[in-house]
Protein backbone atom coordinates (compact mmCIF):
# COMPACT_ATOMS: atom_id res chain seq x y z
CA MET A 1 7.84 48.07 -18.57
CA THR A 2 8.96 44.50 -17.73
CA ASP A 3 12.13 43.77 -15.76
CA ARG A 4 14.61 41.85 -17.91
CA ASP A 5 15.26 39.33 -15.11
CA ASP A 6 11.60 38.25 -15.14
CA VAL A 7 11.62 37.32 -18.83
CA PRO A 8 12.57 33.68 -19.53
CA GLU A 9 15.38 33.29 -22.03
CA THR A 10 14.33 31.79 -25.35
CA THR A 11 16.09 30.46 -28.41
CA SER A 12 14.81 29.78 -31.89
CA GLY A 13 14.41 26.12 -32.80
CA ALA A 14 14.92 24.49 -36.18
CA ASP A 15 11.26 25.05 -37.05
CA GLY A 16 11.46 28.71 -36.14
CA GLN A 17 9.42 28.32 -32.96
CA ALA A 18 10.66 29.79 -29.69
CA GLU A 19 12.10 27.26 -27.22
CA ARG A 20 12.25 28.04 -23.52
CA ARG A 21 15.70 27.63 -21.99
CA VAL A 22 15.69 25.70 -18.73
CA ASP A 23 17.35 27.51 -15.84
CA PRO A 24 19.13 24.95 -13.57
CA ALA A 25 18.92 27.37 -10.62
CA GLN A 26 15.14 27.43 -10.85
CA ILE A 27 15.01 23.63 -10.88
CA LEU A 28 17.28 23.37 -7.85
CA ALA A 29 15.18 25.96 -6.02
CA VAL A 30 12.02 23.82 -6.23
CA MET A 31 13.59 20.37 -5.76
CA PRO A 32 12.01 18.36 -2.90
CA ASP A 33 15.47 17.16 -1.81
CA GLY A 34 18.27 19.18 -0.27
CA VAL A 35 21.29 19.74 -2.53
CA LEU A 36 24.75 20.84 -1.34
CA VAL A 37 27.73 21.34 -3.63
CA VAL A 38 31.22 21.15 -2.11
CA GLY A 39 34.24 22.53 -3.97
CA ALA A 40 37.71 21.09 -4.39
CA ASP A 41 38.78 22.94 -1.23
CA GLN A 42 36.16 20.98 0.74
CA ARG A 43 34.05 24.08 1.40
CA VAL A 44 30.34 24.48 0.64
CA VAL A 45 29.84 26.51 -2.52
CA PHE A 46 26.08 26.05 -3.01
CA LEU A 47 22.95 24.79 -1.26
CA ASN A 48 19.32 25.05 -2.32
CA PRO A 49 16.37 26.27 -0.18
CA ARG A 50 15.32 22.72 0.72
CA ALA A 51 18.79 22.05 2.17
CA GLU A 52 18.47 25.21 4.30
CA ARG A 53 15.17 23.93 5.74
CA LEU A 54 16.50 20.43 6.39
CA LEU A 55 19.62 21.74 8.13
CA GLY A 56 17.77 24.52 9.97
CA ARG A 57 20.39 27.08 8.93
CA LEU A 58 20.60 29.94 6.43
CA ALA A 59 22.75 29.68 3.34
CA SER A 60 24.75 32.69 4.51
CA ASP A 61 25.82 30.71 7.60
CA ILE A 62 26.93 27.67 5.59
CA LEU A 63 28.47 28.93 2.36
CA CYS A 64 32.28 28.96 2.28
CA THR A 65 32.51 26.94 5.51
CA PRO A 66 34.26 23.53 5.65
CA VAL A 67 31.74 20.83 4.82
CA ARG A 68 32.78 18.74 7.83
CA ASP A 69 31.59 21.61 10.05
CA ALA A 70 28.52 22.50 8.00
CA LEU A 71 27.38 18.89 7.55
CA PRO A 72 28.94 16.65 10.27
CA LEU A 73 27.26 13.42 9.14
CA VAL A 74 27.76 10.34 11.31
CA GLU A 75 27.71 6.65 10.29
CA PRO A 76 25.48 4.19 12.26
CA GLY A 77 28.60 2.99 14.07
CA GLY A 78 29.35 6.49 15.37
CA MET A 79 32.24 7.29 13.00
CA SER A 80 32.36 10.48 10.93
CA TRP A 81 30.94 9.76 7.49
CA TRP A 82 33.51 12.08 5.88
CA ASP A 83 36.36 10.14 7.52
CA CYS A 84 34.91 6.79 6.49
CA PHE A 85 34.14 7.66 2.89
CA ASP A 86 36.68 10.45 2.23
CA PRO A 87 35.67 11.55 -1.30
CA TRP A 88 38.92 13.50 -1.82
CA GLY A 89 41.40 10.93 -0.58
CA GLY A 90 39.78 7.66 -1.58
CA ILE A 91 39.91 5.58 -4.76
CA SER A 92 40.26 7.83 -7.79
CA ILE A 93 37.68 6.00 -9.91
CA ARG A 94 34.78 6.35 -7.46
CA THR A 95 31.76 8.29 -8.69
CA GLY A 96 29.82 8.46 -5.41
CA HIS A 97 27.47 6.18 -3.48
CA ARG A 98 23.82 5.26 -3.39
CA GLU A 99 21.34 6.16 -0.67
CA ARG A 100 22.48 5.65 2.94
CA MET A 101 20.88 6.38 6.29
CA LEU A 102 23.12 8.81 8.20
CA HIS A 103 22.74 10.86 11.37
CA LEU A 104 23.20 14.61 11.64
CA PRO A 105 23.60 15.68 15.29
CA GLY A 106 20.76 17.92 16.36
CA ARG A 107 18.70 17.30 13.19
CA GLY A 108 18.06 13.56 13.20
CA HIS A 109 18.51 11.04 10.40
CA PHE A 110 18.75 11.72 6.68
CA LEU A 111 18.91 9.60 3.54
CA VAL A 112 22.12 10.70 1.84
CA THR A 113 23.28 10.21 -1.77
CA MET A 114 26.60 11.54 -3.05
CA SER A 115 28.14 12.12 -6.48
CA ILE A 116 31.82 12.88 -7.13
CA VAL A 117 32.57 15.18 -10.08
CA ARG A 118 35.90 14.99 -11.88
CA HIS A 119 36.75 16.83 -15.10
CA ARG A 120 38.77 13.83 -16.23
CA ARG A 121 38.63 10.18 -15.30
CA GLY A 122 40.96 9.39 -12.41
CA GLY A 123 41.71 13.08 -11.92
CA PRO A 124 41.36 15.16 -8.78
CA VAL A 125 37.92 15.81 -7.29
CA ASP A 126 36.47 19.10 -8.54
CA GLN A 127 33.13 18.98 -6.75
CA VAL A 128 31.13 16.74 -4.44
CA VAL A 129 27.33 16.89 -4.73
CA VAL A 130 25.40 15.74 -1.65
CA ILE A 131 21.66 15.01 -1.84
CA LEU A 132 19.72 15.04 1.44
CA ARG A 133 16.24 13.58 1.91
CA ASP A 134 14.25 13.43 5.13
CA THR A 135 13.23 10.02 6.42
CA GLU A 136 9.63 10.74 7.40
CA GLN A 137 8.04 8.89 4.49
CA ARG A 138 10.44 5.97 4.87
CA ARG A 139 9.73 5.72 8.59
CA ARG A 140 5.98 5.77 7.94
CA HIS A 141 6.37 2.90 5.52
CA GLU A 142 8.56 0.98 7.96
CA ALA A 143 6.07 1.63 10.76
CA GLY A 144 3.27 0.31 8.57
CA THR A 145 5.28 -2.78 7.71
CA ALA A 146 6.16 -3.35 11.37
CA GLU A 147 2.49 -3.02 12.30
CA LEU A 148 1.53 -5.51 9.60
CA ILE A 149 4.10 -8.00 10.89
CA SER A 150 2.79 -7.54 14.42
CA VAL A 151 -0.84 -8.03 13.39
CA VAL A 152 -0.07 -10.99 11.14
CA ALA A 153 1.98 -12.60 13.92
CA HIS A 154 -0.99 -12.17 16.26
CA GLU A 155 -3.40 -13.57 13.65
CA LEU A 156 -1.13 -16.57 13.14
CA ARG A 157 -0.46 -17.17 16.82
CA SER A 158 -4.11 -17.48 17.82
CA PRO A 159 -5.10 -20.40 15.53
CA LEU A 160 -1.69 -22.03 15.88
CA THR A 161 -2.04 -22.01 19.66
CA SER A 162 -5.49 -23.55 19.38
CA ILE A 163 -4.35 -26.23 16.92
CA LYS A 164 -1.35 -27.11 19.07
CA ALA A 165 -3.39 -27.26 22.28
CA PHE A 166 -6.24 -29.39 20.94
CA SER A 167 -4.07 -31.75 18.89
CA GLY A 168 -1.65 -32.24 21.80
CA THR A 169 -4.50 -32.88 24.21
CA LEU A 170 -6.06 -35.45 21.89
CA LEU A 171 -2.76 -37.26 21.41
CA ARG A 172 -2.08 -37.51 25.13
CA ARG A 173 -5.57 -38.07 26.50
CA TRP A 174 -7.59 -39.57 23.64
CA GLU A 175 -9.30 -42.19 25.82
CA ARG A 176 -10.48 -39.65 28.40
CA PHE A 177 -12.78 -37.82 25.99
CA SER A 178 -16.15 -38.86 24.68
CA GLU A 179 -16.89 -39.08 20.96
CA PRO A 180 -18.76 -35.72 20.86
CA GLN A 181 -15.86 -34.03 22.67
CA ARG A 182 -13.33 -35.43 20.20
CA LEU A 183 -15.51 -34.33 17.30
CA LEU A 184 -15.72 -30.77 18.68
CA MET A 185 -11.93 -30.60 19.09
CA MET A 186 -11.33 -31.90 15.56
CA GLN A 187 -13.82 -29.39 14.13
CA THR A 188 -12.02 -26.60 15.98
CA ILE A 189 -8.66 -27.74 14.61
CA GLU A 190 -10.08 -27.84 11.07
CA ALA A 191 -11.61 -24.35 11.38
CA ASP A 192 -8.37 -22.85 12.70
CA ALA A 193 -6.36 -24.59 9.97
CA GLN A 194 -8.69 -23.09 7.35
CA ARG A 195 -8.25 -19.67 8.96
CA LEU A 196 -4.46 -20.03 8.73
CA SER A 197 -4.66 -21.18 5.13
CA ARG A 198 -6.85 -18.21 4.19
CA LEU A 199 -4.53 -15.69 5.84
CA LEU A 200 -1.46 -17.09 4.10
CA SER A 201 -3.29 -17.15 0.75
CA GLU A 202 -4.28 -13.50 1.19
CA LEU A 203 -0.70 -12.50 1.95
CA LEU A 204 0.48 -14.28 -1.19
CA ASP A 205 -2.24 -12.61 -3.27
CA VAL A 206 -1.27 -9.19 -1.92
CA SER A 207 2.32 -9.80 -3.01
CA ARG A 208 1.05 -10.83 -6.47
CA ILE A 209 -1.05 -7.66 -6.73
CA ASP A 210 1.94 -5.54 -5.73
CA ALA A 211 4.05 -7.24 -8.39
CA SER A 212 1.24 -7.09 -11.03
CA ARG A 213 1.33 -10.88 -11.29
CA LEU A 214 -2.18 -11.74 -10.12
CA ARG A 215 -3.86 -14.15 -12.53
CA VAL A 216 -7.56 -14.97 -12.85
CA THR A 217 -9.29 -17.71 -14.80
CA PRO A 218 -12.76 -16.34 -15.58
CA ARG A 219 -15.81 -18.37 -16.50
CA PRO A 220 -19.56 -17.84 -16.08
CA VAL A 221 -20.39 -17.86 -12.36
CA ASP A 222 -23.86 -17.47 -10.85
CA LEU A 223 -23.43 -14.57 -8.41
CA ARG A 224 -26.71 -15.25 -6.59
CA GLN A 225 -25.71 -18.83 -5.97
CA ALA A 226 -22.28 -17.80 -4.67
CA VAL A 227 -23.78 -15.27 -2.23
CA THR A 228 -26.39 -17.74 -0.98
CA ALA A 229 -23.71 -20.38 -0.36
CA HIS A 230 -21.64 -17.94 1.70
CA ILE A 231 -24.61 -16.87 3.82
CA ASP A 232 -25.30 -20.55 4.55
CA ARG A 233 -21.65 -21.00 5.61
CA TYR A 234 -21.82 -18.04 7.98
CA VAL A 235 -24.99 -19.46 9.55
CA VAL A 236 -23.41 -22.91 9.95
CA SER A 237 -20.37 -21.31 11.60
CA GLY A 238 -22.58 -19.77 14.29
CA HIS A 239 -23.98 -16.49 12.94
CA ASP A 240 -27.69 -15.82 13.27
CA ARG A 241 -29.43 -15.95 9.88
CA ALA A 242 -31.38 -12.84 10.91
CA LYS A 243 -28.02 -11.01 10.82
CA PHE A 244 -28.17 -11.13 7.01
CA SER A 245 -30.65 -9.43 4.70
CA TRP A 246 -30.46 -10.92 1.22
CA LYS A 247 -32.09 -9.06 -1.66
CA GLU A 248 -31.86 -9.63 -5.37
CA ALA A 249 -33.28 -7.37 -8.03
CA PHE A 250 -35.41 -9.10 -10.65
CA SER A 251 -33.30 -10.42 -13.50
CA PRO A 252 -33.50 -13.56 -15.60
CA ARG A 253 -29.75 -14.12 -15.13
CA GLN A 254 -27.09 -12.79 -12.80
CA GLU A 255 -24.01 -14.57 -14.03
CA VAL A 256 -20.67 -12.80 -13.93
CA TRP A 257 -17.52 -13.47 -15.95
CA ALA A 258 -15.21 -14.24 -13.04
CA ASP A 259 -12.79 -16.62 -11.42
CA ALA A 260 -14.99 -18.55 -8.97
CA ASP A 261 -12.32 -18.77 -6.23
CA ARG A 262 -11.44 -15.08 -6.54
CA LEU A 263 -15.13 -14.15 -6.45
CA ASP A 264 -15.43 -16.09 -3.19
CA GLN A 265 -12.54 -14.03 -1.78
CA ILE A 266 -14.27 -10.79 -2.75
CA ILE A 267 -17.56 -11.80 -1.12
CA VAL A 268 -15.92 -13.12 2.06
CA ASN A 269 -13.76 -10.02 2.57
CA LEU A 270 -16.68 -7.63 2.08
CA VAL A 271 -19.00 -9.57 4.39
CA ASP A 272 -16.26 -10.08 7.01
CA ASN A 273 -15.55 -6.34 6.93
CA ALA A 274 -19.23 -5.59 7.55
CA LEU A 275 -19.41 -8.11 10.41
CA LYS A 276 -16.18 -6.97 12.12
CA HIS A 277 -16.31 -3.21 11.65
CA GLY A 278 -19.96 -2.49 10.97
CA GLY A 279 -23.03 -3.11 13.04
CA GLY A 280 -26.62 -4.28 12.88
CA THR A 281 -27.84 -6.21 9.86
CA VAL A 282 -25.56 -6.94 6.92
CA SER A 283 -27.55 -6.26 3.75
CA ILE A 284 -26.47 -7.95 0.52
CA GLU A 285 -27.99 -7.19 -2.86
CA THR A 286 -27.20 -8.28 -6.41
CA ALA A 287 -28.61 -6.69 -9.56
CA SER A 288 -28.08 -6.59 -13.30
CA VAL A 289 -27.34 -3.12 -14.61
CA PRO A 290 -29.22 -2.23 -17.81
CA VAL A 291 -27.00 -0.61 -20.44
CA PRO A 292 -27.56 0.60 -24.00
CA GLN A 293 -27.28 -1.91 -26.82
CA GLY A 294 -23.69 -2.70 -27.68
CA GLU A 295 -22.20 -1.69 -24.31
CA THR A 296 -20.80 -4.12 -21.75
CA PRO A 297 -23.54 -5.32 -19.34
CA TRP A 298 -22.64 -5.34 -15.65
CA VAL A 299 -23.79 -7.19 -12.55
CA THR A 300 -23.44 -5.46 -9.19
CA LEU A 301 -22.89 -6.81 -5.68
CA THR A 302 -23.69 -4.40 -2.84
CA VAL A 303 -22.83 -5.04 0.82
CA GLU A 304 -24.09 -2.63 3.50
CA ASP A 305 -24.04 -2.52 7.29
CA GLU A 306 -25.76 -0.41 9.94
CA GLY A 307 -22.68 0.72 11.83
CA GLU A 308 -21.20 4.19 12.20
CA GLY A 309 -20.01 4.24 8.60
CA ILE A 310 -16.83 5.69 7.14
CA ASP A 311 -15.88 9.35 7.11
CA PRO A 312 -16.10 10.59 3.47
CA GLU A 313 -12.65 12.10 3.92
CA ASN A 314 -11.30 8.57 4.21
CA TYR A 315 -12.94 7.25 1.04
CA PRO A 316 -9.73 7.73 -1.01
CA LEU A 317 -7.79 5.77 1.66
CA ILE A 318 -10.16 2.90 2.34
CA PHE A 319 -8.66 0.58 -0.29
CA GLU A 320 -5.05 1.38 0.61
CA LYS A 321 -2.84 -1.37 1.99
CA PHE A 322 -2.59 -1.41 5.82
CA TRP A 323 -5.47 1.08 6.20
CA HIS A 324 -7.37 0.51 9.47
CA GLY A 325 -9.16 3.77 10.20
CA SER A 326 -10.17 3.90 13.85
CA HIS A 327 -10.42 0.10 14.09
CA ARG A 328 -7.65 -2.34 14.94
CA GLY A 329 -7.37 -6.10 15.15
CA SER A 330 -7.10 -6.87 11.42
CA THR A 331 -4.29 -6.99 8.89
CA GLY A 332 -5.63 -3.99 6.97
CA LEU A 333 -5.37 -6.01 3.74
CA GLY A 334 -8.94 -7.18 3.14
CA LEU A 335 -10.25 -4.19 1.19
CA TYR A 336 -6.92 -3.71 -0.59
CA LEU A 337 -7.24 -7.30 -1.75
CA VAL A 338 -10.87 -6.74 -2.83
CA LYS A 339 -9.86 -3.80 -5.02
CA GLY A 340 -7.00 -5.75 -6.61
CA LEU A 341 -9.18 -8.78 -7.31
CA VAL A 342 -12.05 -6.73 -8.74
CA GLU A 343 -9.75 -4.75 -11.02
CA ALA A 344 -8.08 -7.96 -12.18
CA HIS A 345 -11.53 -8.94 -13.52
CA GLY A 346 -11.92 -5.59 -15.30
CA GLY A 347 -14.48 -4.48 -12.72
CA ARG A 348 -14.94 -1.55 -10.35
CA VAL A 349 -15.41 -1.18 -6.59
CA SER A 350 -16.62 1.89 -4.71
CA VAL A 351 -17.46 2.91 -1.15
CA GLY A 352 -20.20 5.19 0.14
CA ARG A 353 -22.77 5.64 2.88
CA ALA A 354 -25.68 3.23 3.28
CA ALA A 355 -29.24 4.42 3.76
CA GLY A 356 -29.02 3.31 7.39
CA GLY A 357 -25.83 5.30 7.98
CA GLY A 358 -23.32 2.47 7.75
CA ALA A 359 -20.77 1.67 5.08
CA ARG A 360 -21.84 0.69 1.58
CA PHE A 361 -19.54 -1.19 -0.80
CA MET A 362 -20.54 -1.79 -4.42
CA VAL A 363 -18.69 -4.13 -6.76
CA SER A 364 -19.43 -4.11 -10.50
CA LEU A 365 -18.29 -7.08 -12.57
CA PRO A 366 -18.77 -7.86 -16.30
CA ALA A 367 -21.81 -9.98 -16.97
CA ALA A 368 -21.08 -13.44 -18.35
CA GLU A 369 -23.11 -12.90 -21.52
CA SER A 370 -20.85 -9.97 -22.56
CA ALA A 371 -17.81 -12.22 -22.63
CA LEU A 372 -19.65 -15.10 -24.30
CA VAL A 373 -21.08 -12.89 -27.04
CA GLY A 374 -17.72 -11.11 -27.56
């Protein structure tokens, strides 16, 4: 025989079907935020299980006690929040306040929202509902933002210092340097200026991705030609050509439907990631993916390294903003940007383990002929 309390209440709808009645107490019991209800006498009349855990006290110790004793919240300036806001003695048309950061002695900081309940507009306060939320997630986000600012400041300071030093030296002592020395200084200034420009462009693109405002202008682009050009640039900048292994599967064409500048960003970020955080030879491969007639053809770009690789447990996190893993010294935005750029083209990007044990990134982009035929 079933206990009556375990049977959910039901009512009959207009179509004759049973409708489950929602029990507010059950909802409050599973809410992720703490909820306290204060009566007109300024005593606690209800709190849910989450509020008990946040306050570190049992409901039996809090119910019927004055709220100022049960929840002695403090403003950032050190004043009692109840004295500053005074829900019962303040303006009669107030309905509450939005989220605020308040301190609870002995329990730390909480994000607090409050609603004032009146049975009639301008009437006396019947109840005050206080919502408590812990600040752990907020602090993690703020810590990530602070770390980004620190890393970006460092990334900006290095080339700026170099540009300032070399340009100042040339202005003051131009005649003391030979022509080759001047040329080297000017080349260094140009390289650092390009580095600054790239970093600022990436930060702007990240903000566009976050706001869903990233725009691409696709056209047919030869992927093999783009990869070859980038390898040549890396060699010119001082990398050993033997550091790169360039393979291309046989295909009459390997054109992708992409924005040429955005494709360059994808290639550079993937190769830079392999050079900075990988090890050994950086292997790059492009290939056309055969598909059944009528389906969208794809072209893939694969970048592998021979480093220690990435823990499979971190695969879901690798494309998250600010993710660094065990490595530091970068903004943590490169792979996040790659994912946003690839998806803006209607493509896909994945991470796995290379045959040599390192990291393996594969980007799939629509082939140019699919867009031209369509």
